[in-house]
C-alpha atoms as a PDB file:
ATOM      1  CA  MET A   1      -8.944  14.232   9.727  1.00  0.00           C
ATOM      2  CA  ALA A   2      -8.129  13.316   6.157  1.00  0.00           C
ATOM      3  CA  LYS A   3      -8.111  16.930   5.037  1.00  0.00           C
ATOM      4  CA  GLN A   4      -5.632  17.982   7.697  1.00  0.00           C
ATOM      5  CA  MET A   5      -3.230  15.048   7.558  1.00  0.00           C
ATOM      6  CA  ILE A   6      -3.442  14.125   3.846  1.00  0.00           C
ATOM      7  CA  THR A   7      -4.790  16.458   1.154  1.00  0.00           C
ATOM      8  CA  LEU A   8      -6.796  15.109  -1.773  1.00  0.00           C
ATOM      9  CA  TRP A   9      -3.892  15.982  -4.084  1.00  0.00           C
ATOM     10  CA  GLU A  10      -1.509  13.970  -1.898  1.00  0.00           C
ATOM     11  CA  GLU A  11      -3.969  11.066  -1.856  1.00  0.00           C
ATOM     12  CA  HIS A  12      -3.966  10.971  -5.647  1.00  0.00           C
ATOM     13  CA  LEU A  13      -0.175  11.098  -5.872  1.00  0.00           C
ATOM     14  CA  PHE A  14       0.222   8.390  -3.244  1.00  0.00           C
ATOM     15  CA  TRP A  15      -2.198   5.975  -4.890  1.00  0.00           C
ATOM     16  CA  LEU A  16      -1.004   6.604  -8.446  1.00  0.00           C
ATOM     17  CA  GLU A  17       2.605   5.957  -7.455  1.00  0.00           C
ATOM     18  CA  VAL A  18       1.557   2.821  -5.572  1.00  0.00           C
ATOM     19  CA  LEU A  19      -0.361   1.478  -8.568  1.00  0.00           C
ATOM     20  CA  GLN A  20       2.449   2.332 -10.969  1.00  0.00           C
ATOM     21  CA  ASP A  21       4.838   0.394  -8.727  1.00  0.00           C
ATOM     22  CA  HIS A  22       2.416  -2.536  -8.768  1.00  0.00           C
ATOM     23  CA  ALA A  23       2.467  -2.474 -12.576  1.00  0.00           C
ATOM     24  CA  TYR A  24       6.284  -2.496 -12.502  1.00  0.00           C
ATOM     25  CA  PHE A  25       6.207  -5.520 -10.191  1.00  0.00           C
ATOM     26  CA  ILE A  26       3.842  -7.377 -12.518  1.00  0.00           C
ATOM     27  CA  ARG A  27       6.058  -6.627 -15.512  1.00  0.00           C
ATOM     28  CA  ASP A  28       9.247  -7.584 -13.689  1.00  0.00           C
ATOM     29  CA  ASN A  29       7.797 -10.883 -12.457  1.00  0.00           C
ATOM     30  CA  LEU A  30       6.223 -12.048 -15.708  1.00  0.00           C
ATOM     31  CA  SER A  31       8.154 -14.438 -17.916  1.00  0.00           C
ATOM     32  CA  PRO A  32       9.364 -12.753 -21.127  1.00  0.00           C
ATOM     33  CA  ALA A  33       7.353 -15.473 -22.851  1.00  0.00           C
ATOM     34  CA  GLU A  34       4.159 -13.783 -21.598  1.00  0.00           C
ATOM     35  CA  THR A  35       4.569 -11.063 -24.231  1.00  0.00           C
ATOM     36  CA  GLU A  36       0.929  -9.948 -24.276  1.00  0.00           C
ATOM     37  CA  TYR A  37       0.718  -9.423 -20.520  1.00  0.00           C
ATOM     38  CA  VAL A  38       4.142  -7.759 -20.372  1.00  0.00           C
ATOM     39  CA  LYS A  39       2.921  -5.223 -22.934  1.00  0.00           C
ATOM     40  CA  VAL A  40      -0.261  -4.586 -20.950  1.00  0.00           C
ATOM     41  CA  ALA A  41       1.755  -4.019 -17.748  1.00  0.00           C
ATOM     42  CA  GLU A  42       4.051  -1.625 -19.610  1.00  0.00           C
ATOM     43  CA  ARG A  43       1.037   0.292 -20.946  1.00  0.00           C
ATOM     44  CA  TYR A  44      -0.250   0.745 -17.407  1.00  0.00           C
ATOM     45  CA  ILE A  45       3.173   1.910 -16.247  1.00  0.00           C
ATOM     46  CA  GLN A  46       2.961   4.606 -18.914  1.00  0.00           C
ATOM     47  CA  LYS A  47      -0.673   5.441 -18.155  1.00  0.00           C
ATOM     48  CA  PHE A  48      -0.031   5.912 -14.439  1.00  0.00           C
ATOM     49  CA  GLY A  49       3.048   7.967 -15.256  1.00  0.00           C
ATOM     50  CA  GLY A  50       0.959  10.210 -17.492  1.00  0.00           C
ATOM     51  CA  LEU A  51      -1.634  10.682 -14.768  1.00  0.00           C
ATOM     52  CA  ILE A  52       1.077  11.586 -12.265  1.00  0.00           C
ATOM     53  CA  GLU A  53       2.276  14.287 -14.670  1.00  0.00           C
ATOM     54  CA  GLN A  54      -1.307  15.426 -15.284  1.00  0.00           C
ATOM     55  CA  LEU A  55      -1.857  15.753 -11.524  1.00  0.00           C
ATOM     56  CA  ASN A  56       0.579  18.677 -11.521  1.00  0.00           C
ATOM     57  CA  SER A  57      -2.054  20.728 -13.361  1.00  0.00           C
ATOM     58  CA  VAL A  58      -4.486  20.270 -10.464  1.00  0.00           C
ATOM     59  CA  PRO A  59      -4.178  22.897  -7.690  1.00  0.00           C
ATOM     60  CA  ARG A  60      -2.651  21.299  -4.614  1.00  0.00           C
ATOM     61  CA  GLY A  61      -5.317  22.768  -2.390  1.00  0.00           C
ATOM     62  CA  ALA A  62      -8.226  21.691  -4.576  1.00  0.00           C
ATOM     63  CA  GLY A  63     -11.239  20.372  -2.712  1.00  0.00           C
ATOM     64  CA  PRO A  64     -13.678  17.642  -3.746  1.00  0.00           C
ATOM     65  CA  GLY A  65     -16.052  20.139  -5.369  1.00  0.00           C
ATOM     66  CA  ASP A  66     -13.413  21.872  -7.492  1.00  0.00           C
ATOM     67  CA  GLU A  67     -13.882  21.253 -11.207  1.00  0.00           C
ATOM     68  CA  ALA A  68     -10.199  20.426 -11.740  1.00  0.00           C
ATOM     69  CA  MET A  69     -10.337  17.758  -9.018  1.00  0.00           C
ATOM     70  CA  ILE A  70     -13.544  16.225 -10.381  1.00  0.00           C
ATOM     71  CA  ARG A  71     -12.213  16.201 -13.947  1.00  0.00           C
ATOM     72  CA  PHE A  72      -8.915  14.630 -12.910  1.00  0.00           C
ATOM     73  CA  SER A  73     -10.654  11.990 -10.783  1.00  0.00           C
ATOM     74  CA  ARG A  74     -12.842  11.064 -13.744  1.00  0.00           C
ATOM     75  CA  ASP A  75      -9.720  10.690 -15.897  1.00  0.00           C
ATOM     76  CA  VAL A  76      -8.135   8.405 -13.293  1.00  0.00           C
ATOM     77  CA  TRP A  77     -11.154   6.163 -12.720  1.00  0.00           C
ATOM     78  CA  PRO A  78     -11.059   4.078 -15.952  1.00  0.00           C
ATOM     79  CA  VAL A  79      -7.294   3.560 -15.680  1.00  0.00           C
ATOM     80  CA  ALA A  80      -7.410   2.451 -12.028  1.00  0.00           C
ATOM     81  CA  LYS A  81     -10.448   0.243 -12.751  1.00  0.00           C
ATOM     82  CA  GLY A  82      -8.836  -1.233 -15.859  1.00  0.00           C
ATOM     83  CA  TYR A  83      -5.687  -2.080 -13.945  1.00  0.00           C
ATOM     84  CA  PHE A  84      -7.789  -3.669 -11.202  1.00  0.00           C
ATOM     85  CA  GLU A  85      -9.410  -5.930 -13.790  1.00  0.00           C
ATOM     86  CA  PHE A  86      -6.018  -6.758 -15.336  1.00  0.00           C
ATOM     87  CA  GLU A  87      -4.510  -7.854 -12.014  1.00  0.00           C
ATOM     88  CA  GLY A  88      -7.677  -9.760 -11.160  1.00  0.00           C
ATOM     89  CA  MET A  89      -7.465 -11.655 -14.418  1.00  0.00           C
ATOM     90  CA  LEU A  90      -3.804 -12.504 -13.750  1.00  0.00           C
ATOM     91  CA  GLN A  91      -4.704 -13.694 -10.258  1.00  0.00           C
ATOM     92  CA  SER A  92      -7.352 -16.027 -11.672  1.00  0.00           C
ATOM     93  CA  LEU A  93      -4.850 -17.413 -14.174  1.00  0.00           C
ATOM     94  CA  ARG A  94      -2.170 -17.780 -11.495  1.00  0.00           C
ATOM     95  CA  ILE A  95      -4.545 -19.775  -9.274  1.00  0.00           C
ATOM     96  CA  ASP A  96      -4.972 -22.275 -12.112  1.00  0.00           C
ATOM     97  CA  ASN A  97      -1.255 -22.182 -13.084  1.00  0.00           C
ATOM     98  CA  LYS A  98      -2.129 -20.774 -16.497  1.00  0.00           C
ATOM     99  CA  VAL A  99       0.306 -17.848 -16.462  1.00  0.00           C
ATOM    100  CA  ASN A 100       4.072 -17.751 -15.928  1.00  0.00           C
ATOM    101  CA  LEU A 101       4.064 -15.112 -13.203  1.00  0.00           C
ATOM    102  CA  ASN A 102       6.462 -15.258 -10.279  1.00  0.00           C
ATOM    103  CA  LEU A 103       3.927 -13.755  -7.849  1.00  0.00           C
ATOM    104  CA  SER A 104       1.423 -15.678  -5.733  1.00  0.00           C
ATOM    105  CA  PRO A 105      -2.378 -15.295  -5.731  1.00  0.00           C
ATOM    106  CA  THR A 106      -2.212 -14.047  -2.137  1.00  0.00           C
ATOM    107  CA  TYR A 107       0.314 -11.358  -3.073  1.00  0.00           C
ATOM    108  CA  LEU A 108      -2.217 -10.182  -5.657  1.00  0.00           C
ATOM    109  CA  ASN A 109      -4.946 -10.166  -3.003  1.00  0.00           C
ATOM    110  CA  GLY A 110      -2.963  -7.422  -1.295  1.00  0.00           C
ATOM    111  CA  THR A 111      -2.409  -5.264  -4.371  1.00  0.00           C
ATOM    112  CA  LEU A 112      -6.016  -5.712  -5.459  1.00  0.00           C
ATOM    113  CA  ALA A 113      -7.257  -4.650  -2.007  1.00  0.00           C
ATOM    114  CA  GLU A 114      -5.208  -1.457  -2.228  1.00  0.00           C
ATOM    115  CA  ASN A 115      -6.472  -0.734  -5.727  1.00  0.00           C
ATOM    116  CA  GLN A 116     -10.018  -1.346  -4.504  1.00  0.00           C
ATOM    117  CA  GLU A 117      -9.548   1.216  -1.739  1.00  0.00           C
ATOM    118  CA  TYR A 118      -8.428   3.816  -4.288  1.00  0.00           C
ATOM    119  CA  LEU A 119     -11.493   3.010  -6.392  1.00  0.00           C
ATOM    120  CA  ARG A 120     -13.678   3.500  -3.300  1.00  0.00           C
ATOM    121  CA  PHE A 121     -11.967   6.844  -2.729  1.00  0.00           C
ATOM    122  CA  LEU A 122     -12.407   7.838  -6.390  1.00  0.00           C
ATOM    123  CA  GLY A 123     -16.079   6.908  -6.230  1.00  0.00           C
ATOM    124  CA  PHE A 124     -16.663   9.951  -4.032  1.00  0.00           C
ATOM    125  CA  LEU A 125     -14.404  12.325  -5.971  1.00  0.00           C
ATOM    126  CA  VAL A 126     -15.927  11.668  -9.398  1.00  0.00           C
ATOM    127  CA  GLU A 127     -19.201  12.911  -7.866  1.00  0.00           C
ATOM    128  CA  GLY A 128     -17.536  15.937  -6.271  1.00  0.00           C
ATOM    129  CA  LYS A 129     -18.057  14.539  -2.764  1.00  0.00           C
ATOM    130  CA  GLU A 130     -15.730  14.418   0.229  1.00  0.00           C
ATOM    131  CA  PRO A 131     -14.418  10.819   0.580  1.00  0.00           C
ATOM    132  CA  GLU A 132     -15.500   9.053   3.746  1.00  0.00           C
ATOM    133  CA  PRO A 133     -12.532   7.775   5.772  1.00  0.00           C
ATOM    134  CA  LEU A 134     -12.318   4.132   6.756  1.00  0.00           C
ATOM    135  CA  HIS A 135     -13.327   3.170  10.275  1.00  0.00           C
ATOM    136  CA  LEU A 136     -10.472   1.877  12.412  1.00  0.00           C
ATOM    137  CA  VAL A 137     -11.383  -1.804  11.984  1.00  0.00           C
ATOM    138  CA  GLU A 138     -11.560  -1.330   8.196  1.00  0.00           C
ATOM    139  CA  LEU A 139      -8.262   0.531   8.183  1.00  0.00           C
ATOM    140  CA  MET A 140      -6.707  -2.340  10.115  1.00  0.00           C
ATOM    141  CA  ASP A 141      -8.225  -4.927   7.781  1.00  0.00           C
ATOM    142  CA  LEU A 142      -6.468  -3.320   4.824  1.00  0.00           C
ATOM    143  CA  TRP A 143      -3.111  -2.295   6.224  1.00  0.00           C
ATOM    144  CA  LEU A 144      -2.389  -5.099   8.699  1.00  0.00           C
ATOM    145  CA  GLU A 145      -2.588  -7.515   5.781  1.00  0.00           C
ATOM    146  CA  ASP A 146      -0.306  -5.162   3.869  1.00  0.00           C
ATOM    147  CA  GLN A 147       2.302  -4.996   6.648  1.00  0.00           C
ATOM    148  CA  LEU A 148       2.173  -8.770   7.101  1.00  0.00           C
ATOM    149  CA  GLY A 149       2.671  -9.094   3.363  1.00  0.00           C
ATOM    150  CA  HIS A 150       5.682  -6.795   3.470  1.00  0.00           C
ATOM    151  CA  ALA A 151       7.287  -8.879   6.213  1.00  0.00           C
ATOM    152  CA  LEU A 152       6.606 -12.101   4.293  1.00  0.00           C
ATOM    153  CA  LEU A 153       7.934 -10.654   1.038  1.00  0.00           C
ATOM    154  CA  PHE A 154      11.032  -9.331   2.787  1.00  0.00           C
ATOM    155  CA  GLN A 155      11.705 -12.761   4.267  1.00  0.00           C
ATOM    156  CA  ASN A 156      11.100 -14.416   0.897  1.00  0.00           C
ATOM    157  CA  MET A 157      13.543 -12.186  -0.956  1.00  0.00           C
ATOM    158  CA  LEU A 158      16.443 -12.898   1.441  1.00  0.00           C
ATOM    159  CA  ASP A 159      19.269 -15.230   0.515  1.00  0.00           C
ATOM    160  CA  PRO A 160      19.315 -18.284   2.843  1.00  0.00           C
ATOM    161  CA  ILE A 161      22.660 -17.120   4.251  1.00  0.00           C
ATOM    162  CA  GLU A 162      20.956 -14.045   5.796  1.00  0.00           C
ATOM    163  CA  ILE A 163      19.832 -15.986   8.882  1.00  0.00           C
ATOM    164  CA  GLY A 164      19.690 -13.035  11.291  1.00  0.00           C
ATOM    165  CA  ALA A 165      17.570 -10.901   8.979  1.00  0.00           C
ATOM    166  CA  ASN A 166      15.337 -13.891   8.326  1.00  0.00           C
ATOM    167  CA  ARG A 167      14.692 -14.370  12.040  1.00  0.00           C
ATOM    168  CA  ARG A 168      13.838 -10.697  12.514  1.00  0.00           C
ATOM    169  CA  ALA A 169      11.381 -10.908   9.631  1.00  0.00           C
ATOM    170  CA  GLU A 170       9.860 -14.054  11.171  1.00  0.00           C
ATOM    171  CA  ALA A 171       9.251 -12.183  14.423  1.00  0.00           C
ATOM    172  CA  TYR A 172       7.353  -9.429  12.603  1.00  0.00           C
ATOM    173  CA  ILE A 173       5.351 -12.006  10.674  1.00  0.00           C
ATOM    174  CA  ASP A 174       4.273 -13.581  13.960  1.00  0.00           C
ATOM    175  CA  GLN A 175       3.369 -10.191  15.456  1.00  0.00           C
ATOM    176  CA  TYR A 176       1.204  -9.087  12.532  1.00  0.00           C
ATOM    177  CA  GLN A 177      -0.589 -12.410  12.508  1.00  0.00           C
ATOM    178  CA  VAL A 178      -1.441 -11.779  16.165  1.00  0.00           C
ATOM    179  CA  PHE A 179      -2.633  -8.249  15.320  1.00  0.00           C
ATOM    180  CA  ILE A 180      -4.935  -9.578  12.603  1.00  0.00           C
ATOM    181  CA  ILE A 181      -6.541 -11.997  15.069  1.00  0.00           C
ATOM    182  CA  GLN A 182      -6.899  -9.236  17.678  1.00  0.00           C
ATOM    183  CA  ASN A 183      -8.509  -6.889  15.160  1.00  0.00           C
ATOM    184  CA  ARG A 184     -11.039  -9.562  14.207  1.00  0.00           C
ATOM    185  CA  HIS A 185     -12.103  -9.876  17.837  1.00  0.00           C
ATOM    186  CA  LEU A 186     -12.152  -6.108  18.355  1.00  0.00           C
ATOM    187  CA  LYS A 187     -14.479  -5.896  15.353  1.00  0.00           C
ATOM    188  CA  GLY A 188     -16.767  -8.376  17.107  1.00  0.00           C
ATOM    189  CA  TYR A 189     -16.906  -6.213  20.229  1.00  0.00           C
ATOM    190  CA  LEU A 190     -18.429  -3.427  18.108  1.00  0.00           C
ATOM    191  CA  ARG A 191     -21.717  -5.321  18.114  1.00  0.00           C
ATOM    192  CA  PHE A 192     -22.371  -3.738  21.514  1.00  0.00           C
ATOM    193  CA  LYS A 193     -19.551  -1.186  21.955  1.00  0.00           C
ATOM    194  CA  GLN A 194     -19.171   2.156  20.237  1.00  0.00           C
ATOM    195  CA  PRO A 195     -16.014   2.493  18.090  1.00  0.00           C
ATOM    196  CA  GLY A 196     -13.042   4.136  19.768  1.00  0.00           C
ATOM    197  CA  PHE A 197     -13.284   2.456  23.166  1.00  0.00           C
ATOM    198  CA  ALA A 198     -10.101   2.515  25.229  1.00  0.00           C
ATOM    199  CA  ARG A 199      -8.723  -0.920  24.297  1.00  0.00           C
ATOM    200  CA  GLN A 200      -9.284  -0.268  20.606  1.00  0.00           C
ATOM    201  CA  ARG A 201      -7.383   3.036  20.846  1.00  0.00           C
ATOM    202  CA  GLU A 202      -4.568   1.247  22.672  1.00  0.00           C
ATOM    203  CA  PHE A 203      -4.525  -1.348  19.911  1.00  0.00           C
ATOM    204  CA  ALA A 204      -4.056   1.411  17.332  1.00  0.00           C
ATOM    205  CA  LEU A 205      -1.031   2.659  19.270  1.00  0.00           C
ATOM    206  CA  GLU A 206       0.459  -0.835  19.607  1.00  0.00           C
ATOM    207  CA  VAL A 207       0.085  -1.468  15.886  1.00  0.00           C
ATOM    208  CA  GLY A 208       1.518   1.939  15.042  1.00  0.00           C
ATOM    209  CA  GLN A 209       4.572   1.469  17.249  1.00  0.00           C
ATOM    210  CA  THR A 210       5.303  -1.973  15.802  1.00  0.00           C
ATOM    211  CA  THR A 211       4.835  -0.655  12.260  1.00  0.00           C
ATOM    212  CA  LEU A 212       7.296   2.163  12.887  1.00  0.00           C
ATOM    213  CA  GLU A 213       9.762  -0.293  14.435  1.00  0.00           C
ATOM    214  CA  MET A 214       9.577  -2.656  11.454  1.00  0.00           C
ATOM    215  CA  SER A 215       9.907   0.246   9.041  1.00  0.00           C
ATOM    216  CA  GLN A 216      13.074   1.391  10.811  1.00  0.00           C
ATOM    217  CA  TYR A 217      14.440  -2.138  10.579  1.00  0.00           C
ATOM    218  CA  ILE A 218      13.669  -2.396   6.858  1.00  0.00           C
ATOM    219  CA  SER A 219      15.255   1.027   6.359  1.00  0.00           C
ATOM    220  CA  GLY A 220      18.477  -0.399   7.779  1.00  0.00           C
ATOM    221  CA  MET A 221      18.224  -3.374   5.453  1.00  0.00           C
ATOM    222  CA  VAL A 222      17.715  -1.024   2.477  1.00  0.00           C
ATOM    223  CA  GLU A 223      20.925   0.766   3.391  1.00  0.00           C
ATOM    224  CA  LYS A 224      22.700  -2.599   3.428  1.00  0.00           C
ATOM    225  CA  TYR A 225      21.156  -3.358   0.032  1.00  0.00           C
ATOM    226  CA  LYS A 226      22.488  -0.099  -1.405  1.00  0.00           C
ATOM    227  CA  LYS A 227      25.966  -0.901  -0.091  1.00  0.00           C
ATOM    228  CA  LYS A 228      25.775  -4.448  -1.521  1.00  0.00           C
ATOM    229  CA  LYS A 229      25.887  -5.908   1.989  1.00  0.00           C
ATOM    230  CA  LEU A 230      22.599  -7.849   1.838  1.00  0.00           C
ATOM    231  CA  LEU A 231      22.282 -10.948  -0.312  1.00  0.00           C
ATOM    232  CA  ASN A 232      18.841 -11.080  -1.887  1.00  0.00           C
ATOM    233  CA  LYS A 233      16.780 -11.621  -5.034  1.00  0.00           C
ATOM    234  CA  THR A 234      14.798  -8.390  -5.376  1.00  0.00           C
ATOM    235  CA  THR A 235      14.977  -4.768  -6.557  1.00  0.00           C
ATOM    236  CA  LEU A 236      15.374  -1.457  -4.767  1.00  0.00           C
ATOM    237  CA  ARG A 237      11.946  -0.374  -6.023  1.00  0.00           C
ATOM    238  CA  PHE A 238      10.382  -3.469  -4.449  1.00  0.00           C
ATOM    239  CA  LEU A 239      12.077  -2.817  -1.113  1.00  0.00           C
ATOM    240  CA  GLU A 240      11.365   0.900  -0.947  1.00  0.00           C
ATOM    241  CA  HIS A 241       7.715   0.459  -1.904  1.00  0.00           C
ATOM    242  CA  HIS A 242       7.258  -0.354   1.793  1.00  0.00           C
ATOM    243  CA  PHE A 243       7.891   3.195   3.021  1.00  0.00           C
ATOM    244  CA  PRO A 244       5.116   5.326   1.429  1.00  0.00           C
ATOM    245  CA  GLU A 245       2.515   2.687   2.286  1.00  0.00           C
ATOM    246  CA  THR A 246       3.737   2.539   5.877  1.00  0.00           C
ATOM    247  CA  CYS A 247       3.632   6.327   6.104  1.00  0.00           C
ATOM    248  CA  TYR A 248       0.060   6.358   4.813  1.00  0.00           C
ATOM    249  CA  PHE A 249      -0.960   3.777   7.416  1.00  0.00           C
ATOM    250  CA  ILE A 250       0.689   5.758  10.230  1.00  0.00           C
ATOM    251  CA  LYS A 251      -0.942   9.008   9.126  1.00  0.00           C
ATOM    252  CA  ARG A 252      -4.340   7.333   9.124  1.00  0.00           C
ATOM    253  CA  LEU A 253      -3.710   5.613  12.471  1.00  0.00           C
ATOM    254  CA  SER A 254      -2.654   8.914  14.060  1.00  0.00           C
ATOM    255  CA  TYR A 255      -6.266  10.092  13.982  1.00  0.00           C
ATOM    256  CA  PHE A 256      -7.177   7.253  16.329  1.00  0.00           C
ATOM    257  CA  SER A 257      -3.945   7.421  18.357  1.00  0.00           C
ATOM    258  CA  PRO A 258      -2.641  10.995  18.764  1.00  0.00           C
ATOM    259  CA  LYS A 259       0.674   9.708  20.153  1.00  0.00           C
ATOM    260  CA  LEU A 260       1.517   8.733  16.558  1.00  0.00           C
ATOM    261  CA  LYS A 261       1.028  12.275  15.195  1.00  0.00           C
ATOM    262  CA  GLU A 262       4.691  13.259  15.515  1.00  0.00           C
ATOM    263  CA  ALA A 263       5.846  10.263  13.487  1.00  0.00           C
ATOM    264  CA  ALA A 264       2.978  10.806  11.035  1.00  0.00           C
ATOM    265  CA  GLY A 265       4.082  14.383  10.474  1.00  0.00           C
ATOM    266  CA  GLN A 266       7.674  13.387   9.756  1.00  0.00           C
ATOM    267  CA  CYS A 267       7.217  10.557   7.251  1.00  0.00           C
ATOM    268  CA  SER A 268       6.777  10.994   3.502  1.00  0.00           C
ATOM    269  CA  LEU A 269       4.031   9.638   1.248  1.00  0.00           C
ATOM    270  CA  LYS A 270       6.293  10.223  -1.760  1.00  0.00           C
ATOM    271  CA  ARG A 271       8.137   7.224  -3.107  1.00  0.00           C
ATOM    272  CA  ALA A 272      11.887   7.265  -3.618  1.00  0.00           C
ATOM    273  CA  SER A 273      13.379   8.074  -7.008  1.00  0.00           C
ATOM    274  CA  TYR A 274      15.078   4.680  -7.412  1.00  0.00           C
ATOM    275  CA  LEU A 275      18.023   6.413  -9.022  1.00  0.00           C
END
């Protein structure tokens, strides 16, 4: 599944770009007074950028046992782990109001969870092993929280005058909260049911269709942003960060719901240029 839909090279590029974006968001939301932490965030921006450049020396078809893939994965591990510890430290400080960071502890739960998934993935590659894909309930645990977070962040960045957009965001927030509850119960059914039973597969399709619908909506809002027709308090990078992560989720969901394969084949894991 993973090998056909997403190559190991594409996995690396996706996660490195995601983590570099996260470092940008930390830097951009720290007070200039937090000079030490701003410098650390900037160092990670540079480190992830260097790894993205270094990835180009790895053959795109390299498998888990290829020396170039193992060597690159071992180079990535300490940087991804170090950034995980950095964000975790900031989260702890933010909980106790000891850092001037305009991001909430729960926002950092989301970015830390994504970083943790990349570390899990790297744990296989540094040993030259094929990474084990997440089960559907685990996939949902990670990415439903992410999609809910995107809807909440989108709502939060809107100017109060954008009432219509706010209401649309509220509807998606409600829907993803329902999905999270449903997934928790579906996980419980697995005590006595084998994974992949009919209702669970239908759930994957429902989530995928809603995710594609919200992504199309946000795409329209991004176009308004670019034309200066949406009043807000965020950046283009922050808005467009939604799309590669959504594509990744859809590609992974398509294994469990083949009706999503067409959409999965058309979307891009590559982030925008932000030019």
